[in-house]
Amino acid sequence: MITAKDLLKKRGSSASVRVSPTDTVYRALQLMAENNVGAVMICENDQMVGIFTERDYCRKIILMGRSSLNTPIQDIMTKNMITVEPNQSLEECMELMARYHIRHLPVKENDHLIGIISMRDVMEAIISSKQEHIDQLEKYILGSDYGH
């Protein structure tokens, strides 16, 4: 079973991509572009207070006619976040993403953010794991693991 923590170790943590609630949406977008991520965490005094995603930008800035240059991120961030613990399986993470129609899950340990995993990260890891399992079964069935 692959866990959220395993995925973060393999991919690297995105916990450092964060802004404060008073930063502008534009600053968050800059960080997202620089780090090639689709979401940033909003933290205050080292505590998570919200998340901002590309979807938030489309729905809460563009469609509402706001300006990213002068809108504080706290005005449009998602405050009620769905989070996971490091020991949760990727299957559990995928189920939460599907149930709540979200693409990013903050991973927290002892109430501290240790990273964010995306739906793409989870899907790629699950597919890779399943392919490895298929390859092992093929080797077993064909007898290629017995040194012939």
Protein backbone atom coordinates (compact mmCIF):
# COMPACT_ATOMS: atom_id res chain seq x y z
CA MET A 1 0.00 0.00 0.00
CA ILE A 2 1.43 3.35 -1.06
CA THR A 3 0.75 6.21 1.35
CA ALA A 4 0.58 9.98 1.02
CA LYS A 5 3.94 10.17 2.81
CA ASP A 6 5.50 7.73 0.32
CA LEU A 7 4.31 9.90 -2.54
CA LEU A 8 5.71 13.06 -0.95
CA LYS A 9 9.10 11.37 -0.44
CA LYS A 10 9.20 10.25 -4.06
CA ARG A 11 8.00 13.51 -5.59
CA GLY A 12 9.33 15.99 -3.08
CA SER A 13 7.34 18.25 -0.80
CA SER A 14 5.50 21.31 -2.02
CA ALA A 15 4.96 22.54 1.54
CA SER A 16 7.24 25.51 0.93
CA VAL A 17 4.88 26.95 -1.69
CA ARG A 18 2.82 29.12 0.60
CA VAL A 19 1.65 32.68 1.03
CA SER A 20 0.24 34.70 3.88
CA PRO A 21 -3.44 35.70 3.98
CA THR A 22 -2.58 39.33 3.22
CA ASP A 23 -0.57 38.52 0.08
CA THR A 24 -2.28 39.27 -3.21
CA VAL A 25 -3.72 36.71 -5.55
CA TYR A 26 -1.09 37.87 -8.05
CA ARG A 27 1.71 36.87 -5.65
CA ALA A 28 0.16 33.43 -5.24
CA LEU A 29 -0.07 33.05 -9.03
CA GLN A 30 3.60 34.03 -9.37
CA LEU A 31 4.62 31.33 -6.89
CA MET A 32 2.43 28.76 -8.60
CA ALA A 33 4.06 29.54 -11.96
CA GLU A 34 7.60 29.56 -10.53
CA ASN A 35 7.07 26.18 -8.84
CA ASN A 36 4.91 24.63 -11.57
CA VAL A 37 2.10 23.77 -9.13
CA GLY A 38 -1.67 24.18 -9.29
CA ALA A 39 -2.22 25.21 -5.68
CA VAL A 40 -0.62 27.13 -2.81
CA MET A 41 -1.27 26.94 0.88
CA ILE A 42 -2.18 30.04 2.83
CA CYS A 43 -0.44 29.97 6.21
CA GLU A 44 -0.40 32.33 9.15
CA ASN A 45 2.00 31.85 12.05
CA ASP A 46 2.97 28.44 10.59
CA GLN A 47 -0.67 27.28 10.64
CA MET A 48 -2.72 26.39 7.56
CA VAL A 49 -5.66 28.75 7.16
CA GLY A 50 -6.61 28.06 3.55
CA ILE A 51 -5.75 26.82 0.10
CA PHE A 52 -5.81 28.62 -3.26
CA THR A 53 -6.01 26.73 -6.54
CA GLU A 54 -6.17 27.49 -10.23
CA ARG A 55 -9.87 26.66 -10.03
CA ASP A 56 -10.32 29.33 -7.33
CA TYR A 57 -8.65 31.84 -9.64
CA CYS A 58 -11.01 31.04 -12.51
CA ARG A 59 -14.16 31.09 -10.42
CA LYS A 60 -13.45 33.79 -7.86
CA ILE A 61 -11.28 36.27 -9.74
CA ILE A 62 -11.81 36.04 -13.49
CA LEU A 63 -15.53 35.27 -13.51
CA MET A 64 -16.27 37.81 -10.77
CA GLY A 65 -14.35 40.61 -12.50
CA ARG A 66 -11.81 41.05 -9.70
CA SER A 67 -8.18 42.01 -10.13
CA SER A 68 -5.47 39.60 -9.02
CA LEU A 69 -3.12 42.57 -8.51
CA ASN A 70 -5.02 44.02 -5.56
CA THR A 71 -7.24 41.24 -4.18
CA PRO A 72 -5.91 39.76 -0.94
CA ILE A 73 -5.78 35.99 -1.07
CA GLN A 74 -7.75 35.78 2.20
CA ASP A 75 -10.79 37.20 0.40
CA ILE A 76 -11.07 34.26 -1.98
CA MET A 77 -9.16 31.32 -0.47
CA THR A 78 -10.91 28.09 0.40
CA LYS A 79 -10.98 27.94 4.19
CA ASN A 80 -12.69 24.58 4.77
CA MET A 81 -10.01 22.24 3.51
CA ILE A 82 -10.08 18.50 3.20
CA THR A 83 -6.72 17.20 4.46
CA VAL A 84 -5.07 13.82 4.86
CA GLU A 85 -2.56 12.30 7.24
CA PRO A 86 0.75 10.91 5.94
CA ASN A 87 -0.24 7.28 6.58
CA GLN A 88 -3.40 7.42 4.46
CA SER A 89 -3.34 5.24 1.35
CA LEU A 90 -3.43 6.72 -2.13
CA GLU A 91 -6.72 4.91 -2.68
CA GLU A 92 -8.19 6.79 0.31
CA CYS A 93 -6.81 10.05 -1.07
CA MET A 94 -8.34 9.39 -4.49
CA GLU A 95 -11.69 8.57 -2.87
CA LEU A 96 -11.67 11.89 -0.97
CA MET A 97 -10.76 13.81 -4.12
CA ALA A 98 -13.61 12.18 -6.02
CA ARG A 99 -16.14 12.63 -3.22
CA TYR A 100 -15.38 16.32 -2.67
CA HIS A 101 -14.54 17.20 -6.31
CA ILE A 102 -11.09 18.51 -5.44
CA ARG A 103 -7.72 18.11 -7.11
CA HIS A 104 -5.32 18.97 -4.28
CA LEU A 105 -4.97 17.51 -0.80
CA PRO A 106 -2.82 19.09 1.90
CA VAL A 107 -0.97 16.45 3.90
CA LYS A 108 -0.55 17.35 7.54
CA GLU A 109 1.25 15.68 10.38
CA ASN A 110 0.66 16.82 13.97
CA ASP A 111 -1.32 19.79 12.61
CA HIS A 112 1.64 20.94 10.47
CA LEU A 113 1.64 21.02 6.69
CA ILE A 114 4.19 18.62 5.23
CA GLY A 115 3.10 18.81 1.59
CA ILE A 116 0.34 18.86 -0.98
CA ILE A 117 -0.53 16.01 -3.29
CA SER A 118 -2.44 16.46 -6.52
CA MET A 119 -4.87 14.18 -8.28
CA ARG A 120 -2.29 13.77 -11.05
CA ASP A 121 0.36 12.68 -8.53
CA VAL A 122 -2.00 10.13 -7.02
CA MET A 123 -3.21 8.75 -10.36
CA GLU A 124 0.33 8.41 -11.75
CA ALA A 125 1.51 6.61 -8.60
CA ILE A 126 -1.46 4.24 -8.58
CA ILE A 127 -1.05 3.43 -12.28
CA SER A 128 2.69 2.87 -11.85
CA SER A 129 2.11 0.60 -8.86
CA LYS A 130 -0.50 -1.44 -10.74
CA GLN A 131 1.83 -1.76 -13.76
CA GLU A 132 4.66 -3.00 -11.51
CA HIS A 133 2.28 -5.58 -10.04
CA ILE A 134 1.23 -6.70 -13.54
CA ASP A 135 4.88 -7.02 -14.58
CA GLN A 136 5.64 -9.15 -11.51
CA LEU A 137 2.67 -11.41 -12.21
CA GLU A 138 3.72 -11.83 -15.85
CA LYS A 139 7.24 -12.80 -14.76
CA TYR A 140 5.82 -15.27 -12.27
CA ILE A 141 3.42 -16.82 -14.79
CA LEU A 142 6.06 -17.03 -17.51
CA GLY A 143 8.68 -18.32 -15.08
CA SER A 144 11.24 -15.65 -16.01
CA ASP A 145 12.11 -14.97 -12.37
CA TYR A 146 13.60 -18.44 -11.86
CA GLY A 147 16.90 -17.77 -13.61
CA HIS A 148 16.16 -19.74 -16.78
